[in-house]
Amino acid sequence: MEKKQVQLNPEKSHYFWQYVWGIILIPLFGIGLYLLYRIQKKRESIVYIVTDDTITKKTGSYSENIDLINITNITVKQSKFNERFDIGNLRIHTSTRSLKLEGLKNPYGVSNLILKAAEAERARIAEAKKPKPEEPQTPPGTLDRLDYLTGLWQQGLLSDEDYLEEKKHFES
């Protein structure tokens, strides 16, 4: 079965004020251009990958993983300004650590989807851990002895009554 994967990036509008400062500082010896370049590179270097069983945050060559089954809760933070753009930050909590996802569109919807996926992963793992009902097994060598008995009967070395009587011992 192929893993499903969704890739998310921070929205440009999450960096709105940084872009504004970059534009304002352009006349000051090109510092604004450098600032705009750095903001864009930072935004492009951040990638969030959500799969069936993990969430990965990649920032350049650094990456962090959280398994969905370990997620305990998710908090969403939005400033008044970001509420207008429906953008926010998610903080995903486990029992031992947390992971921050910044600048996501529709943060409450993403949070609900991640929590549902975590619950589904927990249910899938619990189902896999359940013991399978075992089929009754015959003692070792029973089938070999039955085959031997059938062979004797087919060759005519055993009568029908003897064969049926001996076969009863193997069926119970």
C-alpha atoms as a PDB file:
ATOM      1  CA  MET A   1       0.000   0.000   0.000  1.00  0.00           C
ATOM      2  CA  GLU A   2       1.392   3.371  -1.018  1.00  0.00           C
ATOM      3  CA  LYS A   3       1.857   6.008   1.678  1.00  0.00           C
ATOM      4  CA  LYS A   4      -0.239   9.135   1.294  1.00  0.00           C
ATOM      5  CA  GLN A   5       1.754  12.339   1.599  1.00  0.00           C
ATOM      6  CA  VAL A   6       0.804  16.012   1.826  1.00  0.00           C
ATOM      7  CA  GLN A   7       3.392  18.771   1.581  1.00  0.00           C
ATOM      8  CA  LEU A   8       2.721  22.143   3.213  1.00  0.00           C
ATOM      9  CA  ASN A   9       4.679  25.399   3.133  1.00  0.00           C
ATOM     10  CA  PRO A  10       4.299  28.593   5.149  1.00  0.00           C
ATOM     11  CA  GLU A  11       2.115  31.175   3.412  1.00  0.00           C
ATOM     12  CA  LYS A  12       3.711  34.368   2.078  1.00  0.00           C
ATOM     13  CA  SER A  13       1.239  36.460   4.027  1.00  0.00           C
ATOM     14  CA  HIS A  14       2.641  34.961   7.258  1.00  0.00           C
ATOM     15  CA  TYR A  15       5.762  37.060   6.590  1.00  0.00           C
ATOM     16  CA  PHE A  16       3.769  40.188   5.664  1.00  0.00           C
ATOM     17  CA  TRP A  17       5.412  42.570   8.135  1.00  0.00           C
ATOM     18  CA  GLN A  18       8.885  41.313   7.292  1.00  0.00           C
ATOM     19  CA  TYR A  19       8.185  41.970   3.610  1.00  0.00           C
ATOM     20  CA  VAL A  20       6.914  45.458   4.497  1.00  0.00           C
ATOM     21  CA  TRP A  21      10.132  46.208   6.397  1.00  0.00           C
ATOM     22  CA  GLY A  22      12.167  44.895   3.488  1.00  0.00           C
ATOM     23  CA  ILE A  23      10.381  47.236   1.081  1.00  0.00           C
ATOM     24  CA  ILE A  24      10.749  50.194   3.450  1.00  0.00           C
ATOM     25  CA  LEU A  25      14.488  49.558   3.837  1.00  0.00           C
ATOM     26  CA  ILE A  26      15.252  49.288   0.098  1.00  0.00           C
ATOM     27  CA  PRO A  27      16.422  52.925  -0.150  1.00  0.00           C
ATOM     28  CA  LEU A  28      18.843  52.369   2.743  1.00  0.00           C
ATOM     29  CA  PHE A  29      21.859  50.972   0.830  1.00  0.00           C
ATOM     30  CA  GLY A  30      19.918  47.986  -0.482  1.00  0.00           C
ATOM     31  CA  ILE A  31      19.474  46.453   2.970  1.00  0.00           C
ATOM     32  CA  GLY A  32      15.802  45.981   2.103  1.00  0.00           C
ATOM     33  CA  LEU A  33      16.668  43.903  -0.974  1.00  0.00           C
ATOM     34  CA  TYR A  34      18.877  41.652   1.115  1.00  0.00           C
ATOM     35  CA  LEU A  35      16.119  41.352   3.733  1.00  0.00           C
ATOM     36  CA  LEU A  36      13.547  40.437   1.056  1.00  0.00           C
ATOM     37  CA  TYR A  37      15.939  37.823  -0.343  1.00  0.00           C
ATOM     38  CA  ARG A  38      16.516  36.277   3.125  1.00  0.00           C
ATOM     39  CA  ILE A  39      12.769  36.188   3.888  1.00  0.00           C
ATOM     40  CA  GLN A  40      12.031  34.426   0.604  1.00  0.00           C
ATOM     41  CA  LYS A  41      14.850  31.901   1.090  1.00  0.00           C
ATOM     42  CA  LYS A  42      13.668  31.187   4.640  1.00  0.00           C
ATOM     43  CA  ARG A  43      10.075  30.643   3.457  1.00  0.00           C
ATOM     44  CA  GLU A  44      11.167  28.327   0.638  1.00  0.00           C
ATOM     45  CA  SER A  45      13.448  26.283   2.904  1.00  0.00           C
ATOM     46  CA  ILE A  46      10.644  25.339   5.315  1.00  0.00           C
ATOM     47  CA  VAL A  47       8.578  22.300   4.284  1.00  0.00           C
ATOM     48  CA  TYR A  48       6.073  20.331   6.339  1.00  0.00           C
ATOM     49  CA  ILE A  49       5.385  16.778   5.144  1.00  0.00           C
ATOM     50  CA  VAL A  50       2.397  14.935   6.589  1.00  0.00           C
ATOM     51  CA  THR A  51       2.181  11.203   5.826  1.00  0.00           C
ATOM     52  CA  ASP A  52      -0.031   8.378   7.077  1.00  0.00           C
ATOM     53  CA  ASP A  53       2.119   7.873  10.151  1.00  0.00           C
ATOM     54  CA  THR A  54       4.471  10.873  10.636  1.00  0.00           C
ATOM     55  CA  ILE A  55       4.777  14.630  10.426  1.00  0.00           C
ATOM     56  CA  THR A  56       8.147  15.943   9.276  1.00  0.00           C
ATOM     57  CA  LYS A  57       9.384  19.523   9.438  1.00  0.00           C
ATOM     58  CA  LYS A  58      12.300  20.198   7.097  1.00  0.00           C
ATOM     59  CA  THR A  59      14.256  23.403   7.470  1.00  0.00           C
ATOM     60  CA  GLY A  60      17.161  23.382   5.058  1.00  0.00           C
ATOM     61  CA  SER A  61      19.172  20.262   5.867  1.00  0.00           C
ATOM     62  CA  TYR A  62      17.617  19.869   9.338  1.00  0.00           C
ATOM     63  CA  SER A  63      14.487  17.789   9.836  1.00  0.00           C
ATOM     64  CA  GLU A  64      12.275  16.849  12.782  1.00  0.00           C
ATOM     65  CA  ASN A  65       9.782  13.963  12.889  1.00  0.00           C
ATOM     66  CA  ILE A  66       6.800  13.224  15.074  1.00  0.00           C
ATOM     67  CA  ASP A  67       4.863   9.981  14.838  1.00  0.00           C
ATOM     68  CA  LEU A  68       1.108  10.521  14.633  1.00  0.00           C
ATOM     69  CA  ILE A  69       0.396   7.948  17.334  1.00  0.00           C
ATOM     70  CA  ASN A  70       2.385  10.024  19.862  1.00  0.00           C
ATOM     71  CA  ILE A  71       0.385  13.250  19.369  1.00  0.00           C
ATOM     72  CA  THR A  72      -1.494  14.220  22.521  1.00  0.00           C
ATOM     73  CA  ASN A  73      -2.917  17.590  21.436  1.00  0.00           C
ATOM     74  CA  ILE A  74      -2.452  20.536  19.093  1.00  0.00           C
ATOM     75  CA  THR A  75      -2.652  24.215  19.972  1.00  0.00           C
ATOM     76  CA  VAL A  76      -3.366  26.905  17.386  1.00  0.00           C
ATOM     77  CA  LYS A  77      -2.168  30.496  17.705  1.00  0.00           C
ATOM     78  CA  GLN A  78      -3.263  33.355  15.486  1.00  0.00           C
ATOM     79  CA  SER A  79      -2.676  37.066  15.821  1.00  0.00           C
ATOM     80  CA  LYS A  80      -5.562  39.414  15.023  1.00  0.00           C
ATOM     81  CA  PHE A  81      -3.808  40.311  11.777  1.00  0.00           C
ATOM     82  CA  ASN A  82      -3.343  36.641  10.765  1.00  0.00           C
ATOM     83  CA  GLU A  83      -6.983  35.866  11.569  1.00  0.00           C
ATOM     84  CA  ARG A  84      -7.945  38.087   8.632  1.00  0.00           C
ATOM     85  CA  PHE A  85      -5.803  35.958   6.305  1.00  0.00           C
ATOM     86  CA  ASP A  86      -6.860  32.710   8.090  1.00  0.00           C
ATOM     87  CA  ILE A  87      -3.233  31.872   8.833  1.00  0.00           C
ATOM     88  CA  GLY A  88      -1.800  30.563  12.073  1.00  0.00           C
ATOM     89  CA  ASN A  89       0.837  28.541  13.843  1.00  0.00           C
ATOM     90  CA  LEU A  90       0.307  25.002  15.091  1.00  0.00           C
ATOM     91  CA  ARG A  91       2.143  23.568  18.068  1.00  0.00           C
ATOM     92  CA  ILE A  92       1.917  19.774  18.002  1.00  0.00           C
ATOM     93  CA  HIS A  93       2.453  18.238  21.436  1.00  0.00           C
ATOM     94  CA  THR A  94       3.565  14.742  22.379  1.00  0.00           C
ATOM     95  CA  SER A  95       4.294  13.456  25.854  1.00  0.00           C
ATOM     96  CA  THR A  96       7.996  14.314  25.457  1.00  0.00           C
ATOM     97  CA  ARG A  97       8.310  17.236  23.037  1.00  0.00           C
ATOM     98  CA  SER A  98       6.530  19.582  20.648  1.00  0.00           C
ATOM     99  CA  LEU A  99       6.854  20.677  17.034  1.00  0.00           C
ATOM    100  CA  LYS A 100       5.906  24.110  15.713  1.00  0.00           C
ATOM    101  CA  LEU A 101       4.414  24.514  12.238  1.00  0.00           C
ATOM    102  CA  GLU A 102       4.336  28.188  11.232  1.00  0.00           C
ATOM    103  CA  GLY A 103       2.261  30.126   8.755  1.00  0.00           C
ATOM    104  CA  LEU A 104      -0.300  27.507   7.741  1.00  0.00           C
ATOM    105  CA  LYS A 105      -3.492  28.375   5.921  1.00  0.00           C
ATOM    106  CA  ASN A 106      -6.684  27.258   7.738  1.00  0.00           C
ATOM    107  CA  PRO A 107      -4.865  26.222  10.943  1.00  0.00           C
ATOM    108  CA  TYR A 108      -7.964  24.894  12.726  1.00  0.00           C
ATOM    109  CA  GLY A 109      -8.871  22.678   9.760  1.00  0.00           C
ATOM    110  CA  VAL A 110      -5.307  21.353   9.515  1.00  0.00           C
ATOM    111  CA  SER A 111      -5.290  20.733  13.277  1.00  0.00           C
ATOM    112  CA  ASN A 112      -8.539  18.731  13.097  1.00  0.00           C
ATOM    113  CA  LEU A 113      -7.255  16.667  10.161  1.00  0.00           C
ATOM    114  CA  ILE A 114      -4.014  15.837  11.970  1.00  0.00           C
ATOM    115  CA  LEU A 115      -5.898  14.811  15.129  1.00  0.00           C
ATOM    116  CA  LYS A 116      -8.236  12.577  13.090  1.00  0.00           C
ATOM    117  CA  ALA A 117      -5.250  11.008  11.321  1.00  0.00           C
ATOM    118  CA  ALA A 118      -3.555  10.406  14.693  1.00  0.00           C
ATOM    119  CA  GLU A 119      -6.673   8.707  16.031  1.00  0.00           C
ATOM    120  CA  ALA A 120      -6.959   6.559  12.898  1.00  0.00           C
ATOM    121  CA  GLU A 121      -3.289   5.537  13.211  1.00  0.00           C
ATOM    122  CA  ARG A 122      -3.816   4.578  16.875  1.00  0.00           C
ATOM    123  CA  ALA A 123      -6.859   2.488  15.908  1.00  0.00           C
ATOM    124  CA  ARG A 124      -4.947   0.796  13.076  1.00  0.00           C
ATOM    125  CA  ILE A 125      -2.069  -0.130  15.387  1.00  0.00           C
ATOM    126  CA  ALA A 126      -4.459  -1.382  18.098  1.00  0.00           C
ATOM    127  CA  GLU A 127      -6.193  -3.553  15.488  1.00  0.00           C
ATOM    128  CA  ALA A 128      -2.861  -4.946  14.319  1.00  0.00           C
ATOM    129  CA  LYS A 129      -1.906  -5.836  17.917  1.00  0.00           C
ATOM    130  CA  LYS A 130      -5.104  -7.809  18.525  1.00  0.00           C
ATOM    131  CA  PRO A 131      -4.441 -11.532  18.587  1.00  0.00           C
ATOM    132  CA  LYS A 132      -5.807 -13.347  15.567  1.00  0.00           C
ATOM    133  CA  PRO A 133      -8.187 -16.232  16.299  1.00  0.00           C
ATOM    134  CA  GLU A 134      -6.238 -19.416  15.793  1.00  0.00           C
ATOM    135  CA  GLU A 135      -7.618 -22.262  13.774  1.00  0.00           C
ATOM    136  CA  PRO A 136      -7.617 -25.591  15.555  1.00  0.00           C
ATOM    137  CA  GLN A 137      -4.523 -27.448  14.544  1.00  0.00           C
ATOM    138  CA  THR A 138      -4.070 -31.163  14.316  1.00  0.00           C
ATOM    139  CA  PRO A 139      -1.244 -32.689  16.327  1.00  0.00           C
ATOM    140  CA  PRO A 140       2.040 -32.991  14.407  1.00  0.00           C
ATOM    141  CA  GLY A 141       2.217 -36.039  12.178  1.00  0.00           C
ATOM    142  CA  THR A 142      -1.545 -36.637  12.196  1.00  0.00           C
ATOM    143  CA  LEU A 143      -1.991 -35.767   8.541  1.00  0.00           C
ATOM    144  CA  ASP A 144       0.963 -37.956   7.586  1.00  0.00           C
ATOM    145  CA  ARG A 145      -0.554 -40.924   9.427  1.00  0.00           C
ATOM    146  CA  LEU A 146      -3.947 -40.282   7.812  1.00  0.00           C
ATOM    147  CA  ASP A 147      -2.293 -40.172   4.378  1.00  0.00           C
ATOM    148  CA  TYR A 148      -0.532 -43.466   5.148  1.00  0.00           C
ATOM    149  CA  LEU A 149      -3.844 -45.044   6.262  1.00  0.00           C
ATOM    150  CA  THR A 150      -5.600 -43.794   3.111  1.00  0.00           C
ATOM    151  CA  GLY A 151      -2.814 -45.229   0.971  1.00  0.00           C
ATOM    152  CA  LEU A 152      -3.224 -48.659   2.589  1.00  0.00           C
ATOM    153  CA  TRP A 153      -6.992 -48.531   2.023  1.00  0.00           C
ATOM    154  CA  GLN A 154      -6.581 -47.437  -1.647  1.00  0.00           C
ATOM    155  CA  GLN A 155      -4.172 -50.324  -2.265  1.00  0.00           C
ATOM    156  CA  GLY A 156      -6.719 -52.747  -0.870  1.00  0.00           C
ATOM    157  CA  LEU A 157      -4.572 -53.730   2.071  1.00  0.00           C
ATOM    158  CA  LEU A 158      -7.238 -52.407   4.509  1.00  0.00           C
ATOM    159  CA  SER A 159     -10.979 -53.174   4.466  1.00  0.00           C
ATOM    160  CA  ASP A 160     -13.564 -50.406   4.284  1.00  0.00           C
ATOM    161  CA  GLU A 161     -14.754 -51.069   7.863  1.00  0.00           C
ATOM    162  CA  ASP A 162     -11.212 -50.967   9.271  1.00  0.00           C
ATOM    163  CA  TYR A 163     -10.431 -47.788   7.335  1.00  0.00           C
ATOM    164  CA  LEU A 164     -13.565 -45.972   8.571  1.00  0.00           C
ATOM    165  CA  GLU A 165     -12.951 -47.110  12.139  1.00  0.00           C
ATOM    166  CA  GLU A 166      -9.330 -45.925  12.119  1.00  0.00           C
ATOM    167  CA  LYS A 167     -10.301 -42.656  10.377  1.00  0.00           C
ATOM    168  CA  LYS A 168     -12.638 -41.803  13.308  1.00  0.00           C
ATOM    169  CA  HIS A 169      -9.576 -41.530  15.574  1.00  0.00           C
ATOM    170  CA  PHE A 170      -8.136 -38.771  13.363  1.00  0.00           C
ATOM    171  CA  GLU A 171     -11.336 -36.701  13.050  1.00  0.00           C
ATOM    172  CA  SER A 172     -11.855 -36.063  16.759  1.00  0.00           C
END
